Amino acid sequence: MCKRYWLIQGHNGSKTIFKTKVGIGQFTDDQIPNLLKALTAKMGLTCEEIVGAYAKRGAKIANDHLIVHHDFPTYMCGSNPVFTASIVDDGGKIISKPKLP
């Protein structure tokens, strides 16, 4: 059976600013969005933008900078920079959804 990994990457435009591959058992699915939020905040947001990202929706200072999108098998947070986490196999190929009959 093929091993699976989380491939975690950060991109600023077309430039890769961060890349690591860790065993899938190192994180739960619930931890991945929080990890991406932290990386996005650290690498791309001001303190004021981070405060706004955690403010109540609809509040004057609220923004969507730390919304995490999930389209199996990839999570994504941010716009520039953008951080992603995908499930990959030993060769680094993204594992896709199983095909239904």
PDB file of N, CA and C in Angstrom:
ATOM      1  N   MET A   1       0.846  -1.191   0.000  1.00  0.00           N
ATOM      2  CA  MET A   1       0.000   0.000   0.000  1.00  0.00           C
ATOM      3  C   MET A   1       0.882   1.242   0.000  1.00  0.00           C
ATOM      4  N   CYS A   2       0.492   2.210  -0.746  1.00  0.00           N
ATOM      5  CA  CYS A   2       1.266   3.432  -0.889  1.00  0.00           C
ATOM      6  C   CYS A   2       1.079   4.335   0.330  1.00  0.00           C
ATOM      7  N   LYS A   3       2.177   4.941   0.773  1.00  0.00           N
ATOM      8  CA  LYS A   3       2.095   5.879   1.880  1.00  0.00           C
ATOM      9  C   LYS A   3       1.474   7.181   1.389  1.00  0.00           C
ATOM     10  N   ARG A   4       0.842   7.895   2.332  1.00  0.00           N
ATOM     11  CA  ARG A   4       0.249   9.184   2.004  1.00  0.00           C
ATOM     12  C   ARG A   4       0.877  10.270   2.865  1.00  0.00           C
ATOM     13  N   TYR A   5       0.924  11.457   2.290  1.00  0.00           N
ATOM     14  CA  TYR A   5       1.563  12.593   2.938  1.00  0.00           C
ATOM     15  C   TYR A   5       0.699  13.840   2.755  1.00  0.00           C
ATOM     16  N   TRP A   6       0.948  14.821   3.628  1.00  0.00           N
ATOM     17  CA  TRP A   6       0.440  16.172   3.400  1.00  0.00           C
ATOM     18  C   TRP A   6       1.547  16.937   2.692  1.00  0.00           C
ATOM     19  N   LEU A   7       1.264  17.493   1.518  1.00  0.00           N
ATOM     20  CA  LEU A   7       2.184  18.389   0.833  1.00  0.00           C
ATOM     21  C   LEU A   7       1.682  19.796   1.132  1.00  0.00           C
ATOM     22  N   ILE A   8       2.451  20.544   1.911  1.00  0.00           N
ATOM     23  CA  ILE A   8       2.059  21.887   2.334  1.00  0.00           C
ATOM     24  C   ILE A   8       2.955  22.870   1.596  1.00  0.00           C
ATOM     25  N   GLN A   9       2.317  23.796   0.868  1.00  0.00           N
ATOM     26  CA  GLN A   9       3.067  24.734   0.035  1.00  0.00           C
ATOM     27  C   GLN A   9       2.552  26.152   0.211  1.00  0.00           C
ATOM     28  N   GLY A  10       3.453  27.105   0.005  1.00  0.00           N
ATOM     29  CA  GLY A  10       3.086  28.512  -0.033  1.00  0.00           C
ATOM     30  C   GLY A  10       3.596  29.121  -1.317  1.00  0.00           C
ATOM     31  N   HIS A  11       2.750  29.927  -1.944  1.00  0.00           N
ATOM     32  CA  HIS A  11       3.125  30.596  -3.200  1.00  0.00           C
ATOM     33  C   HIS A  11       2.805  32.076  -3.107  1.00  0.00           C
ATOM     34  N   ASN A  12       3.727  32.878  -3.583  1.00  0.00           N
ATOM     35  CA  ASN A  12       3.507  34.311  -3.714  1.00  0.00           C
ATOM     36  C   ASN A  12       3.637  34.598  -5.200  1.00  0.00           C
ATOM     37  N   GLY A  13       2.489  34.753  -5.854  1.00  0.00           N
ATOM     38  CA  GLY A  13       2.497  34.816  -7.312  1.00  0.00           C
ATOM     39  C   GLY A  13       2.921  33.457  -7.838  1.00  0.00           C
ATOM     40  N   SER A  14       3.896  33.427  -8.720  1.00  0.00           N
ATOM     41  CA  SER A  14       4.367  32.156  -9.271  1.00  0.00           C
ATOM     42  C   SER A  14       5.567  31.602  -8.490  1.00  0.00           C
ATOM     43  N   LYS A  15       6.000  32.320  -7.452  1.00  0.00           N
ATOM     44  CA  LYS A  15       7.175  31.910  -6.677  1.00  0.00           C
ATOM     45  C   LYS A  15       6.763  31.042  -5.485  1.00  0.00           C
ATOM     46  N   THR A  16       7.402  29.887  -5.339  1.00  0.00           N
ATOM     47  CA  THR A  16       7.182  29.031  -4.180  1.00  0.00           C
ATOM     48  C   THR A  16       7.972  29.608  -3.015  1.00  0.00           C
ATOM     49  N   ILE A  17       7.271  29.930  -1.910  1.00  0.00           N
ATOM     50  CA  ILE A  17       7.932  30.517  -0.749  1.00  0.00           C
ATOM     51  C   ILE A  17       8.049  29.526   0.410  1.00  0.00           C
ATOM     52  N   PHE A  18       7.362  28.390   0.308  1.00  0.00           N
ATOM     53  CA  PHE A  18       7.418  27.378   1.353  1.00  0.00           C
ATOM     54  C   PHE A  18       6.954  26.054   0.772  1.00  0.00           C
ATOM     55  N   LYS A  19       7.631  24.967   1.170  1.00  0.00           N
ATOM     56  CA  LYS A  19       7.219  23.640   0.713  1.00  0.00           C
ATOM     57  C   LYS A  19       7.742  22.605   1.689  1.00  0.00           C
ATOM     58  N   THR A  20       6.841  21.741   2.161  1.00  0.00           N
ATOM     59  CA  THR A  20       7.245  20.632   3.019  1.00  0.00           C
ATOM     60  C   THR A  20       6.275  19.482   2.827  1.00  0.00           C
ATOM     61  N   LYS A  21       6.757  18.278   3.062  1.00  0.00           N
ATOM     62  CA  LYS A  21       5.924  17.079   2.966  1.00  0.00           C
ATOM     63  C   LYS A  21       6.053  16.334   4.290  1.00  0.00           C
ATOM     64  N   VAL A  22       4.902  16.050   4.923  1.00  0.00           N
ATOM     65  CA  VAL A  22       4.898  15.353   6.210  1.00  0.00           C
ATOM     66  C   VAL A  22       3.914  14.194   6.158  1.00  0.00           C
ATOM     67  N   GLY A  23       4.178  13.176   6.943  1.00  0.00           N
ATOM     68  CA  GLY A  23       3.293  12.030   6.999  1.00  0.00           C
ATOM     69  C   GLY A  23       1.867  12.438   7.347  1.00  0.00           C
ATOM     70  N   ILE A  24       0.901  11.788   6.718  1.00  0.00           N
ATOM     71  CA  ILE A  24      -0.502  12.163   6.903  1.00  0.00           C
ATOM     72  C   ILE A  24      -0.945  12.022   8.358  1.00  0.00           C
ATOM     73  N   GLY A  25      -0.297  11.137   9.121  1.00  0.00           N
ATOM     74  CA  GLY A  25      -0.652  10.947  10.511  1.00  0.00           C
ATOM     75  C   GLY A  25      -0.154  12.037  11.449  1.00  0.00           C
ATOM     76  N   GLN A  26       0.633  12.972  10.942  1.00  0.00           N
ATOM     77  CA  GLN A  26       1.168  14.050  11.777  1.00  0.00           C
ATOM     78  C   GLN A  26       0.121  15.108  12.127  1.00  0.00           C
ATOM     79  N   PHE A  27      -0.948  15.198  11.341  1.00  0.00           N
ATOM     80  CA  PHE A  27      -2.017  16.177  11.552  1.00  0.00           C
ATOM     81  C   PHE A  27      -3.366  15.500  11.386  1.00  0.00           C
ATOM     82  N   THR A  28      -4.358  15.996  12.100  1.00  0.00           N
ATOM     83  CA  THR A  28      -5.727  15.575  11.836  1.00  0.00           C
ATOM     84  C   THR A  28      -6.280  16.481  10.741  1.00  0.00           C
ATOM     85  N   ASP A  29      -7.376  16.064  10.128  1.00  0.00           N
ATOM     86  CA  ASP A  29      -8.016  16.914   9.116  1.00  0.00           C
ATOM     87  C   ASP A  29      -8.454  18.244   9.713  1.00  0.00           C
ATOM     88  N   ASP A  30      -8.780  18.266  11.005  1.00  0.00           N
ATOM     89  CA  ASP A  30      -9.201  19.512  11.659  1.00  0.00           C
ATOM     90  C   ASP A  30      -8.033  20.469  11.895  1.00  0.00           C
ATOM     91  N   GLN A  31      -6.827  19.947  12.012  1.00  0.00           N
ATOM     92  CA  GLN A  31      -5.666  20.803  12.263  1.00  0.00           C
ATOM     93  C   GLN A  31      -5.162  21.500  11.003  1.00  0.00           C
ATOM     94  N   ILE A  32      -5.373  20.907   9.861  1.00  0.00           N
ATOM     95  CA  ILE A  32      -4.845  21.467   8.609  1.00  0.00           C
ATOM     96  C   ILE A  32      -5.366  22.879   8.339  1.00  0.00           C
ATOM     97  N   PRO A  33      -6.680  23.154   8.436  1.00  0.00           N
ATOM     98  CA  PRO A  33      -7.132  24.529   8.200  1.00  0.00           C
ATOM     99  C   PRO A  33      -6.482  25.538   9.149  1.00  0.00           C
ATOM    100  N   ASN A  34      -6.318  25.166  10.411  1.00  0.00           N
ATOM    101  CA  ASN A  34      -5.683  26.082  11.363  1.00  0.00           C
ATOM    102  C   ASN A  34      -4.222  26.325  11.022  1.00  0.00           C
ATOM    103  N   LEU A  35      -3.535  25.293  10.563  1.00  0.00           N
ATOM    104  CA  LEU A  35      -2.156  25.451  10.122  1.00  0.00           C
ATOM    105  C   LEU A  35      -2.067  26.425   8.954  1.00  0.00           C
ATOM    106  N   LEU A  36      -2.952  26.266   7.974  1.00  0.00           N
ATOM    107  CA  LEU A  36      -2.934  27.163   6.806  1.00  0.00           C
ATOM    108  C   LEU A  36      -3.252  28.593   7.193  1.00  0.00           C
ATOM    109  N   LYS A  37      -4.180  28.782   8.124  1.00  0.00           N
ATOM    110  CA  LYS A  37      -4.500  30.135   8.616  1.00  0.00           C
ATOM    111  C   LYS A  37      -3.271  30.768   9.255  1.00  0.00           C
ATOM    112  N   ALA A  38      -2.556  29.988  10.077  1.00  0.00           N
ATOM    113  CA  ALA A  38      -1.373  30.521  10.752  1.00  0.00           C
ATOM    114  C   ALA A  38      -0.286  30.902   9.749  1.00  0.00           C
ATOM    115  N   LEU A  39      -0.037  30.046   8.771  1.00  0.00           N
ATOM    116  CA  LEU A  39       0.982  30.348   7.760  1.00  0.00           C
ATOM    117  C   LEU A  39       0.601  31.578   6.935  1.00  0.00           C
ATOM    118  N   THR A  40      -0.668  31.662   6.546  1.00  0.00           N
ATOM    119  CA  THR A  40      -1.140  32.808   5.761  1.00  0.00           C
ATOM    120  C   THR A  40      -1.000  34.095   6.566  1.00  0.00           C
ATOM    121  N   ALA A  41      -1.412  34.057   7.839  1.00  0.00           N
ATOM    122  CA  ALA A  41      -1.318  35.248   8.680  1.00  0.00           C
ATOM    123  C   ALA A  41       0.140  35.673   8.854  1.00  0.00           C
ATOM    124  N   LYS A  42       1.008  34.720   9.144  1.00  0.00           N
ATOM    125  CA  LYS A  42       2.423  35.033   9.378  1.00  0.00           C
ATOM    126  C   LYS A  42       3.085  35.635   8.143  1.00  0.00           C
ATOM    127  N   MET A  43       2.815  35.058   6.996  1.00  0.00           N
ATOM    128  CA  MET A  43       3.546  35.441   5.793  1.00  0.00           C
ATOM    129  C   MET A  43       2.893  36.544   4.963  1.00  0.00           C
ATOM    130  N   GLY A  44       1.599  36.840   5.222  1.00  0.00           N
ATOM    131  CA  GLY A  44       0.969  37.772   4.310  1.00  0.00           C
ATOM    132  C   GLY A  44       0.076  38.850   4.889  1.00  0.00           C
ATOM    133  N   LEU A  45      -0.172  38.842   6.205  1.00  0.00           N
ATOM    134  CA  LEU A  45      -1.136  39.794   6.750  1.00  0.00           C
ATOM    135  C   LEU A  45      -0.509  40.710   7.796  1.00  0.00           C
ATOM    136  N   THR A  46      -1.053  41.896   7.895  1.00  0.00           N
ATOM    137  CA  THR A  46      -0.674  42.804   8.976  1.00  0.00           C
ATOM    138  C   THR A  46      -1.453  42.415  10.224  1.00  0.00           C
ATOM    139  N   CYS A  47      -1.043  42.930  11.349  1.00  0.00           N
ATOM    140  CA  CYS A  47      -1.767  42.653  12.601  1.00  0.00           C
ATOM    141  C   CYS A  47      -3.225  43.098  12.490  1.00  0.00           C
ATOM    142  N   GLU A  48      -3.469  44.235  11.868  1.00  0.00           N
ATOM    143  CA  GLU A  48      -4.835  44.735  11.706  1.00  0.00           C
ATOM    144  C   GLU A  48      -5.668  43.795  10.833  1.00  0.00           C
ATOM    145  N   GLU A  49      -5.063  43.253   9.790  1.00  0.00           N
ATOM    146  CA  GLU A  49      -5.781  42.315   8.919  1.00  0.00           C
ATOM    147  C   GLU A  49      -6.107  41.012   9.660  1.00  0.00           C
ATOM    148  N   ILE A  50      -5.212  40.569  10.522  1.00  0.00           N
ATOM    149  CA  ILE A  50      -5.471  39.360  11.311  1.00  0.00           C
ATOM    150  C   ILE A  50      -6.631  39.599  12.264  1.00  0.00           C
ATOM    151  N   VAL A  51      -6.641  40.750  12.933  1.00  0.00           N
ATOM    152  CA  VAL A  51      -7.760  41.092  13.827  1.00  0.00           C
ATOM    153  C   VAL A  51      -9.067  41.074  13.046  1.00  0.00           C
ATOM    154  N   GLY A  52      -9.090  41.667  11.871  1.00  0.00           N
ATOM    155  CA  GLY A  52     -10.288  41.690  11.038  1.00  0.00           C
ATOM    156  C   GLY A  52     -10.719  40.305  10.589  1.00  0.00           C
ATOM    157  N   ALA A  53      -9.755  39.424  10.369  1.00  0.00           N
ATOM    158  CA  ALA A  53     -10.077  38.065   9.931  1.00  0.00           C
ATOM    159  C   ALA A  53     -10.796  37.284  11.023  1.00  0.00           C
ATOM    160  N   TYR A  54     -10.557  37.629  12.288  1.00  0.00           N
ATOM    161  CA  TYR A  54     -11.207  36.943  13.404  1.00  0.00           C
ATOM    162  C   TYR A  54     -12.421  37.686  13.951  1.00  0.00           C
ATOM    163  N   ALA A  55     -12.709  38.856  13.406  1.00  0.00           N
ATOM    164  CA  ALA A  55     -13.880  39.627  13.838  1.00  0.00           C
ATOM    165  C   ALA A  55     -15.166  38.944  13.368  1.00  0.00           C
ATOM    166  N   LYS A  56     -16.268  39.255  14.047  1.00  0.00           N
ATOM    167  CA  LYS A  56     -17.563  38.699  13.651  1.00  0.00           C
ATOM    168  C   LYS A  56     -17.878  39.089  12.211  1.00  0.00           C
ATOM    169  N   ARG A  57     -18.448  38.170  11.468  1.00  0.00           N
ATOM    170  CA  ARG A  57     -18.867  38.462  10.088  1.00  0.00           C
ATOM    171  C   ARG A  57     -19.855  39.623  10.116  1.00  0.00           C
ATOM    172  N   GLY A  58     -19.703  40.530   9.202  1.00  0.00           N
ATOM    173  CA  GLY A  58     -20.582  41.685   9.109  1.00  0.00           C
ATOM    174  C   GLY A  58     -20.098  42.876   9.920  1.00  0.00           C
ATOM    175  N   ALA A  59     -19.130  42.668  10.806  1.00  0.00           N
ATOM    176  CA  ALA A  59     -18.575  43.784  11.574  1.00  0.00           C
ATOM    177  C   ALA A  59     -17.795  44.701  10.632  1.00  0.00           C
ATOM    178  N   LYS A  60     -17.705  45.941  11.006  1.00  0.00           N
ATOM    179  CA  LYS A  60     -17.039  46.940  10.169  1.00  0.00           C
ATOM    180  C   LYS A  60     -15.598  46.545   9.821  1.00  0.00           C
ATOM    181  N   ILE A  61     -14.898  45.917  10.762  1.00  0.00           N
ATOM    182  CA  ILE A  61     -13.487  45.579  10.528  1.00  0.00           C
ATOM    183  C   ILE A  61     -13.280  44.188   9.933  1.00  0.00           C
ATOM    184  N   ALA A  62     -14.355  43.427   9.749  1.00  0.00           N
ATOM    185  CA  ALA A  62     -14.247  42.034   9.288  1.00  0.00           C
ATOM    186  C   ALA A  62     -13.717  41.939   7.858  1.00  0.00           C
ATOM    187  N   ASN A  63     -12.950  40.873   7.612  1.00  0.00           N
ATOM    188  CA  ASN A  63     -12.482  40.575   6.252  1.00  0.00           C
ATOM    189  C   ASN A  63     -12.472  39.056   6.073  1.00  0.00           C
ATOM    190  N   ASP A  64     -12.196  38.616   4.871  1.00  0.00           N
ATOM    191  CA  ASP A  64     -12.196  37.181   4.542  1.00  0.00           C
ATOM    192  C   ASP A  64     -10.789  36.638   4.275  1.00  0.00           C
ATOM    193  N   HIS A  65      -9.767  37.271   4.825  1.00  0.00           N
ATOM    194  CA  HIS A  65      -8.387  36.895   4.502  1.00  0.00           C
ATOM    195  C   HIS A  65      -7.997  35.496   4.966  1.00  0.00           C
ATOM    196  N   LEU A  66      -8.668  34.975   5.991  1.00  0.00           N
ATOM    197  CA  LEU A  66      -8.276  33.664   6.511  1.00  0.00           C
ATOM    198  C   LEU A  66      -9.355  32.603   6.327  1.00  0.00           C
ATOM    199  N   ILE A  67     -10.160  32.750   5.296  1.00  0.00           N
ATOM    200  CA  ILE A  67     -11.145  31.719   4.961  1.00  0.00           C
ATOM    201  C   ILE A  67     -10.400  30.553   4.315  1.00  0.00           C
ATOM    202  N   VAL A  68     -10.688  29.342   4.771  1.00  0.00           N
ATOM    203  CA  VAL A  68     -10.062  28.145   4.207  1.00  0.00           C
ATOM    204  C   VAL A  68     -11.074  27.438   3.317  1.00  0.00           C
ATOM    205  N   HIS A  69     -10.677  27.181   2.091  1.00  0.00           N
ATOM    206  CA  HIS A  69     -11.513  26.460   1.131  1.00  0.00           C
ATOM    207  C   HIS A  69     -11.018  25.016   1.064  1.00  0.00           C
ATOM    208  N   HIS A  70     -11.965  24.086   0.912  1.00  0.00           N
ATOM    209  CA  HIS A  70     -11.593  22.674   0.843  1.00  0.00           C
ATOM    210  C   HIS A  70     -12.259  22.040  -0.366  1.00  0.00           C
ATOM    211  N   ASP A  71     -11.449  21.583  -1.284  1.00  0.00           N
ATOM    212  CA  ASP A  71     -11.913  20.839  -2.448  1.00  0.00           C
ATOM    213  C   ASP A  71     -11.060  19.574  -2.468  1.00  0.00           C
ATOM    214  N   PHE A  72     -11.609  18.471  -1.936  1.00  0.00           N
ATOM    215  CA  PHE A  72     -10.830  17.251  -1.741  1.00  0.00           C
ATOM    216  C   PHE A  72      -9.918  16.989  -2.924  1.00  0.00           C
ATOM    217  N   PRO A  73      -8.676  16.725  -2.710  1.00  0.00           N
ATOM    218  CA  PRO A  73      -7.950  16.516  -1.472  1.00  0.00           C
ATOM    219  C   PRO A  73      -7.159  17.735  -1.011  1.00  0.00           C
ATOM    220  N   THR A  74      -7.496  18.931  -1.478  1.00  0.00           N
ATOM    221  CA  THR A  74      -6.685  20.113  -1.204  1.00  0.00           C
ATOM    222  C   THR A  74      -7.442  21.142  -0.367  1.00  0.00           C
ATOM    223  N   TYR A  75      -6.735  21.679   0.633  1.00  0.00           N
ATOM    224  CA  TYR A  75      -7.199  22.834   1.399  1.00  0.00           C
ATOM    225  C   TYR A  75      -6.412  24.039   0.897  1.00  0.00           C
ATOM    226  N   MET A  76      -7.038  25.239   0.932  1.00  0.00           N
ATOM    227  CA  MET A  76      -6.372  26.440   0.444  1.00  0.00           C
ATOM    228  C   MET A  76      -6.777  27.633   1.303  1.00  0.00           C
ATOM    229  N   CYS A  77      -5.810  28.494   1.622  1.00  0.00           N
ATOM    230  CA  CYS A  77      -6.066  29.702   2.395  1.00  0.00           C
ATOM    231  C   CYS A  77      -5.217  30.841   1.836  1.00  0.00           C
ATOM    232  N   GLY A  78      -5.822  32.011   1.721  1.00  0.00           N
ATOM    233  CA  GLY A  78      -5.103  33.201   1.273  1.00  0.00           C
ATOM    234  C   GLY A  78      -5.236  33.424  -0.211  1.00  0.00           C
ATOM    235  N   SER A  79      -4.676  34.559  -0.642  1.00  0.00           N
ATOM    236  CA  SER A  79      -4.714  34.869  -2.064  1.00  0.00           C
ATOM    237  C   SER A  79      -3.319  35.183  -2.585  1.00  0.00           C
ATOM    238  N   ASN A  80      -2.566  36.007  -1.889  1.00  0.00           N
ATOM    239  CA  ASN A  80      -1.198  36.288  -2.305  1.00  0.00           C
ATOM    240  C   ASN A  80      -0.419  36.800  -1.101  1.00  0.00           C
ATOM    241  N   PRO A  81       0.184  35.920  -0.345  1.00  0.00           N
ATOM    242  CA  PRO A  81       0.462  34.529  -0.668  1.00  0.00           C
ATOM    243  C   PRO A  81      -0.738  33.621  -0.433  1.00  0.00           C
ATOM    244  N   VAL A  82      -0.682  32.462  -1.062  1.00  0.00           N
ATOM    245  CA  VAL A  82      -1.680  31.410  -0.873  1.00  0.00           C
ATOM    246  C   VAL A  82      -0.955  30.177  -0.346  1.00  0.00           C
ATOM    247  N   PHE A  83      -1.581  29.537   0.646  1.00  0.00           N
ATOM    248  CA  PHE A  83      -1.027  28.306   1.205  1.00  0.00           C
ATOM    249  C   PHE A  83      -1.989  27.167   0.934  1.00  0.00           C
ATOM    250  N   THR A  84      -1.435  26.025   0.545  1.00  0.00           N
ATOM    251  CA  THR A  84      -2.250  24.853   0.251  1.00  0.00           C
ATOM    252  C   THR A  84      -1.705  23.647   0.993  1.00  0.00           C
ATOM    253  N   ALA A  85      -2.602  22.707   1.242  1.00  0.00           N
ATOM    254  CA  ALA A  85      -2.225  21.411   1.802  1.00  0.00           C
ATOM    255  C   ALA A  85      -2.988  20.362   1.023  1.00  0.00           C
ATOM    256  N   SER A  86      -2.266  19.454   0.412  1.00  0.00           N
ATOM    257  CA  SER A  86      -2.869  18.400  -0.406  1.00  0.00           C
ATOM    258  C   SER A  86      -2.392  17.045   0.063  1.00  0.00           C
ATOM    259  N   ILE A  87      -3.230  16.048  -0.096  1.00  0.00           N
ATOM    260  CA  ILE A  87      -2.844  14.673   0.194  1.00  0.00           C
ATOM    261  C   ILE A  87      -2.159  14.123  -1.047  1.00  0.00           C
ATOM    262  N   VAL A  88      -0.923  13.623  -0.861  1.00  0.00           N
ATOM    263  CA  VAL A  88      -0.146  13.108  -1.991  1.00  0.00           C
ATOM    264  C   VAL A  88       0.376  11.709  -1.689  1.00  0.00           C
ATOM    265  N   ASP A  89       0.782  11.013  -2.747  1.00  0.00           N
ATOM    266  CA  ASP A  89       1.381   9.674  -2.588  1.00  0.00           C
ATOM    267  C   ASP A  89       2.900   9.794  -2.469  1.00  0.00           C
ATOM    268  N   ASP A  90       3.581   8.647  -2.460  1.00  0.00           N
ATOM    269  CA  ASP A  90       5.046   8.611  -2.322  1.00  0.00           C
ATOM    270  C   ASP A  90       5.754   9.463  -3.370  1.00  0.00           C
ATOM    271  N   GLY A  91       5.223   9.489  -4.572  1.00  0.00           N
ATOM    272  CA  GLY A  91       5.844  10.231  -5.657  1.00  0.00           C
ATOM    273  C   GLY A  91       5.472  11.700  -5.703  1.00  0.00           C
ATOM    274  N   GLY A  92       4.631  12.157  -4.774  1.00  0.00           N
ATOM    275  CA  GLY A  92       4.210  13.559  -4.756  1.00  0.00           C
ATOM    276  C   GLY A  92       2.991  13.846  -5.595  1.00  0.00           C
ATOM    277  N   LYS A  93       2.357  12.792  -6.141  1.00  0.00           N
ATOM    278  CA  LYS A  93       1.163  12.992  -6.965  1.00  0.00           C
ATOM    279  C   LYS A  93      -0.058  13.165  -6.053  1.00  0.00           C
ATOM    280  N   ILE A  94      -0.856  14.194  -6.333  1.00  0.00           N
ATOM    281  CA  ILE A  94      -2.049  14.455  -5.543  1.00  0.00           C
ATOM    282  C   ILE A  94      -3.029  13.310  -5.696  1.00  0.00           C
ATOM    283  N   ILE A  95      -3.524  12.833  -4.575  1.00  0.00           N
ATOM    284  CA  ILE A  95      -4.499  11.745  -4.564  1.00  0.00           C
ATOM    285  C   ILE A  95      -5.864  12.352  -4.857  1.00  0.00           C
ATOM    286  N   SER A  96      -6.514  11.880  -5.884  1.00  0.00           N
ATOM    287  CA  SER A  96      -7.800  12.450  -6.271  1.00  0.00           C
ATOM    288  C   SER A  96      -8.942  11.649  -5.671  1.00  0.00           C
ATOM    289  N   LYS A  97     -10.139  12.200  -5.820  1.00  0.00           N
ATOM    290  CA  LYS A  97     -11.338  11.505  -5.338  1.00  0.00           C
ATOM    291  C   LYS A  97     -11.478  10.174  -6.061  1.00  0.00           C
ATOM    292  N   PRO A  98     -11.944   9.160  -5.350  1.00  0.00           N
ATOM    293  CA  PRO A  98     -12.203   7.910  -6.048  1.00  0.00           C
ATOM    294  C   PRO A  98     -13.313   8.108  -7.081  1.00  0.00           C
ATOM    295  N   LYS A  99     -13.153   7.470  -8.232  1.00  0.00           N
ATOM    296  CA  LYS A  99     -14.153   7.596  -9.285  1.00  0.00           C
ATOM    297  C   LYS A  99     -15.346   6.698  -8.953  1.00  0.00           C
ATOM    298  N   LEU A 100     -16.531   7.278  -9.062  1.00  0.00           N
ATOM    299  CA  LEU A 100     -17.751   6.509  -8.810  1.00  0.00           C
ATOM    300  C   LEU A 100     -18.195   5.805 -10.085  1.00  0.00           C
ATOM    301  N   PRO A 101     -18.806   4.612  -9.941  1.00  0.00           N
ATOM    302  CA  PRO A 101     -19.213   3.887 -11.151  1.00  0.00           C
ATOM    303  C   PRO A 101     -20.337   4.602 -11.872  1.00  0.00           C
TER     304      PRO A 101
END
